[in-house]
C-alpha atoms as a PDB file:
ATOM      1  CA  MET A   1       0.631  -8.258  25.186  1.00  0.00           C
ATOM      2  CA  ASN A   2       3.863  -9.358  23.482  1.00  0.00           C
ATOM      3  CA  ALA A   3       6.126  -7.098  21.431  1.00  0.00           C
ATOM      4  CA  HIS A   4       4.337  -7.694  18.155  1.00  0.00           C
ATOM      5  CA  THR A   5       0.682  -7.899  19.160  1.00  0.00           C
ATOM      6  CA  PRO A   6      -1.050  -5.172  17.122  1.00  0.00           C
ATOM      7  CA  LYS A   7      -3.606  -2.781  18.527  1.00  0.00           C
ATOM      8  CA  LYS A   8      -7.042  -2.849  16.969  1.00  0.00           C
ATOM      9  CA  ALA A   9      -7.831  -0.277  14.274  1.00  0.00           C
ATOM     10  CA  HIS A  10     -10.389   2.336  15.247  1.00  0.00           C
ATOM     11  CA  ALA A  11     -12.846   1.542  12.444  1.00  0.00           C
ATOM     12  CA  PRO A  12     -15.489  -1.210  12.215  1.00  0.00           C
ATOM     13  CA  GLY A  13     -14.748  -4.021   9.802  1.00  0.00           C
ATOM     14  CA  TRP A  14     -10.985  -3.501   9.511  1.00  0.00           C
ATOM     15  CA  GLU A  15      -9.975  -6.902  10.899  1.00  0.00           C
ATOM     16  CA  ALA A  16     -12.583  -8.761   8.839  1.00  0.00           C
ATOM     17  CA  LYS A  17     -11.412  -7.121   5.602  1.00  0.00           C
ATOM     18  CA  ARG A  18      -7.769  -7.705   6.523  1.00  0.00           C
ATOM     19  CA  ALA A  19      -8.497 -11.421   7.017  1.00  0.00           C
ATOM     20  CA  LYS A  20     -10.125 -11.616   3.564  1.00  0.00           C
ATOM     21  CA  LEU A  21      -7.121  -9.926   1.976  1.00  0.00           C
ATOM     22  CA  GLU A  22      -4.754 -12.362   3.661  1.00  0.00           C
ATOM     23  CA  THR A  23      -6.758 -15.300   2.300  1.00  0.00           C
ATOM     24  CA  TYR A  24      -6.821 -13.799  -1.200  1.00  0.00           C
ATOM     25  CA  PHE A  25      -3.117 -12.987  -1.465  1.00  0.00           C
ATOM     26  CA  ASP A  26      -1.914 -16.149   0.288  1.00  0.00           C
ATOM     27  CA  ARG A  27      -4.212 -18.661  -1.400  1.00  0.00           C
ATOM     28  CA  THR A  28      -6.398 -17.497  -4.289  1.00  0.00           C
ATOM     29  CA  ALA A  29      -3.968 -15.302  -6.225  1.00  0.00           C
ATOM     30  CA  LEU A  30      -0.482 -15.976  -4.892  1.00  0.00           C
ATOM     31  CA  ASP A  31       0.907 -17.215  -8.219  1.00  0.00           C
ATOM     32  CA  ALA A  32      -0.728 -14.353 -10.140  1.00  0.00           C
ATOM     33  CA  TRP A  33       0.720 -11.702  -7.822  1.00  0.00           C
ATOM     34  CA  ALA A  34       4.111 -13.365  -7.769  1.00  0.00           C
ATOM     35  CA  ALA A  35       4.115 -13.160 -11.583  1.00  0.00           C
ATOM     36  CA  MET A  36       2.807  -9.588 -11.725  1.00  0.00           C
ATOM     37  CA  THR A  37       5.566  -8.365  -9.406  1.00  0.00           C
ATOM     38  CA  SER A  38       8.221  -9.942 -11.628  1.00  0.00           C
ATOM     39  CA  ASP A  39       9.039  -9.664 -15.331  1.00  0.00           C
ATOM     40  CA  ALA A  40       7.159 -12.866 -16.166  1.00  0.00           C
ATOM     41  CA  PRO A  41       4.571 -12.798 -19.005  1.00  0.00           C
ATOM     42  CA  VAL A  42       1.052 -11.894 -17.830  1.00  0.00           C
ATOM     43  CA  SER A  43      -2.384 -11.448 -19.398  1.00  0.00           C
ATOM     44  CA  LYS A  44      -3.253  -8.183 -21.181  1.00  0.00           C
ATOM     45  CA  ILE A  45      -5.437  -7.192 -18.244  1.00  0.00           C
ATOM     46  CA  ARG A  46      -2.679  -7.770 -15.726  1.00  0.00           C
ATOM     47  CA  ALA A  47      -0.166  -6.029 -17.990  1.00  0.00           C
ATOM     48  CA  THR A  48      -2.131  -2.787 -17.651  1.00  0.00           C
ATOM     49  CA  VAL A  49      -2.244  -3.265 -13.887  1.00  0.00           C
ATOM     50  CA  ARG A  50       1.513  -3.902 -13.806  1.00  0.00           C
ATOM     51  CA  ALA A  51       2.166  -0.728 -15.823  1.00  0.00           C
ATOM     52  CA  GLY A  52      -0.147   1.307 -13.616  1.00  0.00           C
ATOM     53  CA  ARG A  53       1.467   0.023 -10.449  1.00  0.00           C
ATOM     54  CA  GLU A  54       4.921   0.864 -11.771  1.00  0.00           C
ATOM     55  CA  GLU A  55       3.818   4.427 -12.548  1.00  0.00           C
ATOM     56  CA  MET A  56       2.236   4.786  -9.124  1.00  0.00           C
ATOM     57  CA  ARG A  57       5.277   3.345  -7.361  1.00  0.00           C
ATOM     58  CA  ASN A  58       7.520   5.832  -9.186  1.00  0.00           C
ATOM     59  CA  THR A  59       5.159   8.659  -8.235  1.00  0.00           C
ATOM     60  CA  LEU A  60       5.304   7.819  -4.544  1.00  0.00           C
ATOM     61  CA  LEU A  61       9.075   7.412  -4.643  1.00  0.00           C
ATOM     62  CA  SER A  62       9.379  10.824  -6.326  1.00  0.00           C
ATOM     63  CA  TRP A  63       7.591  12.395  -3.343  1.00  0.00           C
ATOM     64  CA  LEU A  64      10.316  11.145  -1.005  1.00  0.00           C
ATOM     65  CA  PRO A  65      13.708  12.870  -0.691  1.00  0.00           C
ATOM     66  CA  GLN A  66      16.118  11.702  -3.380  1.00  0.00           C
ATOM     67  CA  ASP A  67      18.764  11.024  -0.739  1.00  0.00           C
ATOM     68  CA  LEU A  68      17.268   8.815   1.951  1.00  0.00           C
ATOM     69  CA  THR A  69      20.505   8.110   3.780  1.00  0.00           C
ATOM     70  CA  GLY A  70      19.798   7.814   7.493  1.00  0.00           C
ATOM     71  CA  ARG A  71      16.018   7.826   6.956  1.00  0.00           C
ATOM     72  CA  ARG A  72      13.778   5.055   8.269  1.00  0.00           C
ATOM     73  CA  ILE A  73      10.943   4.080   5.915  1.00  0.00           C
ATOM     74  CA  LEU A  74       7.880   1.896   6.496  1.00  0.00           C
ATOM     75  CA  ASP A  75       6.528   0.179   3.386  1.00  0.00           C
ATOM     76  CA  ALA A  76       3.057  -0.603   4.716  1.00  0.00           C
ATOM     77  CA  GLY A  77       1.661  -3.369   2.555  1.00  0.00           C
ATOM     78  CA  CYS A  78       4.986  -4.152   0.890  1.00  0.00           C
ATOM     79  CA  GLY A  79       3.967  -7.239  -1.108  1.00  0.00           C
ATOM     80  CA  THR A  80       7.174  -8.634  -2.602  1.00  0.00           C
ATOM     81  CA  GLY A  81       9.089  -5.466  -1.677  1.00  0.00           C
ATOM     82  CA  MET A  82       9.545  -3.655  -4.996  1.00  0.00           C
ATOM     83  CA  LEU A  83       9.128  -0.162  -3.504  1.00  0.00           C
ATOM     84  CA  ALA A  84      11.228  -1.130  -0.485  1.00  0.00           C
ATOM     85  CA  VAL A  85      14.134  -2.101  -2.738  1.00  0.00           C
ATOM     86  CA  GLU A  86      14.126   1.240  -4.548  1.00  0.00           C
ATOM     87  CA  ALA A  87      13.962   3.185  -1.268  1.00  0.00           C
ATOM     88  CA  ALA A  88      16.852   1.160   0.147  1.00  0.00           C
ATOM     89  CA  ARG A  89      18.931   1.867  -2.938  1.00  0.00           C
ATOM     90  CA  ARG A  90      18.564   5.545  -2.098  1.00  0.00           C
ATOM     91  CA  GLY A  91      20.078   4.915   1.332  1.00  0.00           C
ATOM     92  CA  ALA A  92      17.009   4.246   3.500  1.00  0.00           C
ATOM     93  CA  GLU A  93      16.566   1.654   6.203  1.00  0.00           C
ATOM     94  CA  VAL A  94      13.271   0.018   5.226  1.00  0.00           C
ATOM     95  CA  VAL A  95      10.803  -2.100   7.148  1.00  0.00           C
ATOM     96  CA  GLY A  96       8.273  -3.766   4.853  1.00  0.00           C
ATOM     97  CA  ILE A  97       5.127  -5.275   6.374  1.00  0.00           C
ATOM     98  CA  ASP A  98       2.498  -7.253   4.497  1.00  0.00           C
ATOM     99  CA  VAL A  99      -0.594  -9.249   5.372  1.00  0.00           C
ATOM    100  CA  SER A 100       0.569 -12.165   3.203  1.00  0.00           C
ATOM    101  CA  PRO A 101       3.332 -14.347   4.684  1.00  0.00           C
ATOM    102  CA  GLN A 102       3.893 -16.049   1.342  1.00  0.00           C
ATOM    103  CA  LEU A 103       4.361 -12.800  -0.595  1.00  0.00           C
ATOM    104  CA  VAL A 104       6.814 -11.693   2.086  1.00  0.00           C
ATOM    105  CA  GLU A 105       8.782 -14.926   1.660  1.00  0.00           C
ATOM    106  CA  ILE A 106       8.903 -14.369  -2.098  1.00  0.00           C
ATOM    107  CA  GLY A 107      10.127 -10.837  -1.437  1.00  0.00           C
ATOM    108  CA  LYS A 108      12.900 -12.126   0.826  1.00  0.00           C
ATOM    109  CA  GLU A 109      14.026 -14.594  -1.836  1.00  0.00           C
ATOM    110  CA  ARG A 110      14.146 -11.820  -4.449  1.00  0.00           C
ATOM    111  CA  LEU A 111      16.065  -9.239  -2.406  1.00  0.00           C
ATOM    112  CA  PRO A 112      19.073  -8.017  -4.393  1.00  0.00           C
ATOM    113  CA  ASP A 113      22.420  -8.400  -2.636  1.00  0.00           C
ATOM    114  CA  ASP A 114      23.075  -4.644  -2.611  1.00  0.00           C
ATOM    115  CA  VAL A 115      20.106  -3.915  -0.303  1.00  0.00           C
ATOM    116  CA  LYS A 116      19.867  -7.005   1.914  1.00  0.00           C
ATOM    117  CA  GLY A 117      21.375  -5.219   4.896  1.00  0.00           C
ATOM    118  CA  ARG A 118      18.914  -2.316   4.705  1.00  0.00           C
ATOM    119  CA  ILE A 119      15.565  -4.083   4.285  1.00  0.00           C
ATOM    120  CA  THR A 120      13.531  -6.088   6.792  1.00  0.00           C
ATOM    121  CA  LEU A 121      10.411  -7.785   5.403  1.00  0.00           C
ATOM    122  CA  VAL A 122       7.835  -9.015   7.909  1.00  0.00           C
ATOM    123  CA  ALA A 123       4.397 -10.639   7.696  1.00  0.00           C
ATOM    124  CA  GLY A 124       1.957  -8.871   9.995  1.00  0.00           C
ATOM    125  CA  ASP A 125      -0.303  -5.880  10.533  1.00  0.00           C
ATOM    126  CA  MET A 126       0.954  -2.571   9.155  1.00  0.00           C
ATOM    127  CA  LEU A 127      -0.810  -0.803  12.055  1.00  0.00           C
ATOM    128  CA  ASP A 128       1.323  -2.624  14.625  1.00  0.00           C
ATOM    129  CA  ALA A 129       2.952   0.217  16.593  1.00  0.00           C
ATOM    130  CA  SER A 130       5.658  -2.033  18.032  1.00  0.00           C
ATOM    131  CA  PHE A 131       7.715  -1.572  14.864  1.00  0.00           C
ATOM    132  CA  GLY A 132       8.437   1.956  16.046  1.00  0.00           C
ATOM    133  CA  GLU A 133       8.625   5.350  14.380  1.00  0.00           C
ATOM    134  CA  PHE A 134       9.610   6.222  10.834  1.00  0.00           C
ATOM    135  CA  ASP A 135      10.648   9.311   8.915  1.00  0.00           C
ATOM    136  CA  HIS A 136       8.269   8.447   6.082  1.00  0.00           C
ATOM    137  CA  ILE A 137       5.484   5.884   5.714  1.00  0.00           C
ATOM    138  CA  VAL A 138       4.314   4.662   2.302  1.00  0.00           C
ATOM    139  CA  SER A 139       1.236   2.501   1.724  1.00  0.00           C
ATOM    140  CA  MET A 140       0.577   1.700  -1.919  1.00  0.00           C
ATOM    141  CA  ASP A 141      -2.666   0.067  -3.035  1.00  0.00           C
ATOM    142  CA  VAL A 142      -3.602  -1.342   0.346  1.00  0.00           C
ATOM    143  CA  LEU A 143      -6.228   1.139   1.477  1.00  0.00           C
ATOM    144  CA  ILE A 144      -7.997   0.843  -1.900  1.00  0.00           C
ATOM    145  CA  HIS A 145      -9.917  -2.036  -0.300  1.00  0.00           C
ATOM    146  CA  TYR A 146     -11.334   0.039   2.584  1.00  0.00           C
ATOM    147  CA  GLU A 147     -14.119   2.559   3.209  1.00  0.00           C
ATOM    148  CA  SER A 148     -13.261   6.230   3.745  1.00  0.00           C
ATOM    149  CA  ASP A 149     -13.740   6.067   7.540  1.00  0.00           C
ATOM    150  CA  GLN A 150     -11.429   3.043   7.737  1.00  0.00           C
ATOM    151  CA  ILE A 151      -8.831   4.820   5.578  1.00  0.00           C
ATOM    152  CA  ALA A 152      -8.962   7.895   7.803  1.00  0.00           C
ATOM    153  CA  ALA A 153      -8.639   5.798  10.963  1.00  0.00           C
ATOM    154  CA  ALA A 154      -5.694   3.818   9.581  1.00  0.00           C
ATOM    155  CA  THR A 155      -4.012   7.009   8.402  1.00  0.00           C
ATOM    156  CA  ALA A 156      -4.363   8.507  11.871  1.00  0.00           C
ATOM    157  CA  ARG A 157      -2.785   5.426  13.427  1.00  0.00           C
ATOM    158  CA  LEU A 158       0.119   5.453  10.978  1.00  0.00           C
ATOM    159  CA  ALA A 159       0.615   9.224  11.201  1.00  0.00           C
ATOM    160  CA  GLU A 160       1.271   8.859  14.935  1.00  0.00           C
ATOM    161  CA  ARG A 161       4.495   7.050  13.966  1.00  0.00           C
ATOM    162  CA  ALA A 162       5.632   9.250  11.045  1.00  0.00           C
ATOM    163  CA  ARG A 163       8.002  12.175  11.575  1.00  0.00           C
ATOM    164  CA  HIS A 164       7.743  13.854   8.177  1.00  0.00           C
ATOM    165  CA  SER A 165       5.195  12.382   5.786  1.00  0.00           C
ATOM    166  CA  MET A 166       2.817   9.593   4.967  1.00  0.00           C
ATOM    167  CA  LEU A 167       1.968   8.636   1.391  1.00  0.00           C
ATOM    168  CA  PHE A 168      -0.920   6.361   0.535  1.00  0.00           C
ATOM    169  CA  THR A 169      -3.261   5.478  -2.297  1.00  0.00           C
ATOM    170  CA  PHE A 170      -7.015   5.016  -2.426  1.00  0.00           C
ATOM    171  CA  ALA A 171      -9.520   4.017  -5.109  1.00  0.00           C
ATOM    172  CA  PRO A 172     -11.128   7.208  -6.503  1.00  0.00           C
ATOM    173  CA  GLY A 173     -14.902   7.243  -6.797  1.00  0.00           C
ATOM    174  CA  THR A 174     -14.997   7.866 -10.535  1.00  0.00           C
ATOM    175  CA  PRO A 175     -17.694   6.618 -12.954  1.00  0.00           C
ATOM    176  CA  LEU A 176     -14.947   4.881 -14.952  1.00  0.00           C
ATOM    177  CA  LEU A 177     -13.685   2.926 -11.955  1.00  0.00           C
ATOM    178  CA  ARG A 178     -17.207   1.979 -10.893  1.00  0.00           C
ATOM    179  CA  THR A 179     -17.917   0.756 -14.427  1.00  0.00           C
ATOM    180  CA  ALA A 180     -14.624  -1.145 -14.642  1.00  0.00           C
ATOM    181  CA  ARG A 181     -15.356  -2.743 -11.297  1.00  0.00           C
ATOM    182  CA  ALA A 182     -18.766  -3.908 -12.552  1.00  0.00           C
ATOM    183  CA  ILE A 183     -17.344  -5.211 -15.851  1.00  0.00           C
ATOM    184  CA  GLY A 184     -14.613  -7.020 -13.940  1.00  0.00           C
ATOM    185  CA  GLN A 185     -17.188  -9.334 -12.420  1.00  0.00           C
ATOM    186  CA  PHE A 186     -17.546 -10.962 -15.842  1.00  0.00           C
ATOM    187  CA  PHE A 187     -13.853 -11.860 -16.177  1.00  0.00           C
ATOM    188  CA  PRO A 188     -12.457 -15.222 -15.087  1.00  0.00           C
ATOM    189  CA  LYS A 189     -11.813 -15.445 -11.359  1.00  0.00           C
ATOM    190  CA  SER A 190      -8.089 -15.686 -12.012  1.00  0.00           C
ATOM    191  CA  ASP A 191      -8.154 -12.100 -13.303  1.00  0.00           C
ATOM    192  CA  ARG A 192     -10.158 -10.654 -10.401  1.00  0.00           C
ATOM    193  CA  SER A 193      -8.792  -8.794  -7.412  1.00  0.00           C
ATOM    194  CA  PRO A 194     -10.376  -8.336  -3.983  1.00  0.00           C
ATOM    195  CA  SER A 195     -13.235  -5.873  -3.801  1.00  0.00           C
ATOM    196  CA  ILE A 196     -12.024  -2.334  -4.430  1.00  0.00           C
ATOM    197  CA  VAL A 197     -13.995   0.406  -2.692  1.00  0.00           C
ATOM    198  CA  PRO A 198     -14.300   3.650  -4.695  1.00  0.00           C
ATOM    199  CA  VAL A 199     -14.007   6.665  -2.376  1.00  0.00           C
ATOM    200  CA  ALA A 200     -14.873  10.311  -3.062  1.00  0.00           C
ATOM    201  CA  HIS A 201     -11.723  12.412  -2.676  1.00  0.00           C
ATOM    202  CA  ASP A 202     -13.530  15.367  -1.068  1.00  0.00           C
ATOM    203  CA  LEU A 203     -15.160  13.092   1.510  1.00  0.00           C
ATOM    204  CA  LEU A 204     -11.828  11.438   2.275  1.00  0.00           C
ATOM    205  CA  LYS A 205     -10.067  14.796   2.695  1.00  0.00           C
ATOM    206  CA  SER A 206     -12.783  15.901   5.104  1.00  0.00           C
ATOM    207  CA  ARG A 207     -12.391  12.741   7.170  1.00  0.00           C
ATOM    208  CA  LEU A 208      -8.591  13.084   7.144  1.00  0.00           C
ATOM    209  CA  SER A 209      -8.770  16.678   8.398  1.00  0.00           C
ATOM    210  CA  ARG A 210     -10.712  15.434  11.412  1.00  0.00           C
ATOM    211  CA  SER A 211      -8.745  12.244  12.102  1.00  0.00           C
ATOM    212  CA  VAL A 212      -5.283  13.795  11.578  1.00  0.00           C
ATOM    213  CA  PRO A 213      -5.789  17.462  12.589  1.00  0.00           C
ATOM    214  CA  HIS A 214      -2.062  18.095  13.044  1.00  0.00           C
ATOM    215  CA  ALA A 215      -1.300  17.159   9.433  1.00  0.00           C
ATOM    216  CA  LYS A 216      -1.448  19.045   6.152  1.00  0.00           C
ATOM    217  CA  LEU A 217      -2.596  17.460   2.920  1.00  0.00           C
ATOM    218  CA  GLY A 218       0.087  17.802   0.261  1.00  0.00           C
ATOM    219  CA  ARG A 219       0.310  16.619  -3.320  1.00  0.00           C
ATOM    220  CA  ASP A 220      -2.133  14.191  -4.898  1.00  0.00           C
ATOM    221  CA  ARG A 221      -2.115  12.439  -8.255  1.00  0.00           C
ATOM    222  CA  ARG A 222      -4.296   9.933 -10.047  1.00  0.00           C
ATOM    223  CA  VAL A 223      -2.852   7.153 -12.178  1.00  0.00           C
ATOM    224  CA  SER A 224      -5.049   5.365 -14.737  1.00  0.00           C
ATOM    225  CA  ARG A 225      -3.711   2.609 -16.977  1.00  0.00           C
ATOM    226  CA  GLY A 226      -6.265   0.260 -18.501  1.00  0.00           C
ATOM    227  CA  PHE A 227      -7.723  -1.752 -15.622  1.00  0.00           C
ATOM    228  CA  TYR A 228      -5.609   0.073 -13.057  1.00  0.00           C
ATOM    229  CA  THR A 229      -6.875   3.256 -11.399  1.00  0.00           C
ATOM    230  CA  SER A 230      -5.517   4.558  -8.117  1.00  0.00           C
ATOM    231  CA  HIS A 231      -5.133   7.978  -6.490  1.00  0.00           C
ATOM    232  CA  ALA A 232      -2.118   8.990  -4.397  1.00  0.00           C
ATOM    233  CA  GLN A 233      -2.343  11.385  -1.441  1.00  0.00           C
ATOM    234  CA  GLU A 234       0.525  12.972   0.454  1.00  0.00           C
ATOM    235  CA  VAL A 235       0.041  13.770   4.162  1.00  0.00           C
ATOM    236  CA  LEU A 236       2.632  16.123   5.674  1.00  0.00           C
ATOM    237  CA  LEU A 237       3.201  15.955   9.414  1.00  0.00           C
ATOM    238  CA  LYS A 238       3.736  19.255  11.192  1.00  0.00           C
END
């Protein structure tokens, strides 16, 4: 096995879903996601998603130390690297990994000069242990596409490499989100995202307590903006 051959996740269906996400972000919606992660004009639907993602990104960043000098951060599912840039500006050394090679290339092209020496963006599997250990791991709006057992398994794998905390988001199993998901099927394909899997928070916490027994669940916060709904969970490593 070479240096960057990832181990398999310990949950059925992970690789199949990951392959679908790669196809979606690299082919079906590359232009849409490139626009949404910039200041380019977008549709009203995507504008609410952009606003929600900004609020969520700021929430996750607020749960990290303000001074990240000397800290190593993994942005697991970095997209074009917006969170990575902000973490690097606070002094962190950041490794950003994303399933989409093309989004990663866009992120590299957009890197501001003041952080280029502190950010490494790579296309690959965020569960690949060969990237080493980190002080903090952040995974924003990646695990929203997975079932609760897959989320717990991925969290366990990532927590093995985190010294202090792991922050991630999931899709909460609310009636509003289930309704929005159903209504979304009637919008043009250009405004659709990959299947989001609503997950009950209590069920997820129960699975996390079993899969990561050495961790403590910390803060959590839900962000809802129009067609964006996501729930953040902090996992503190003992």
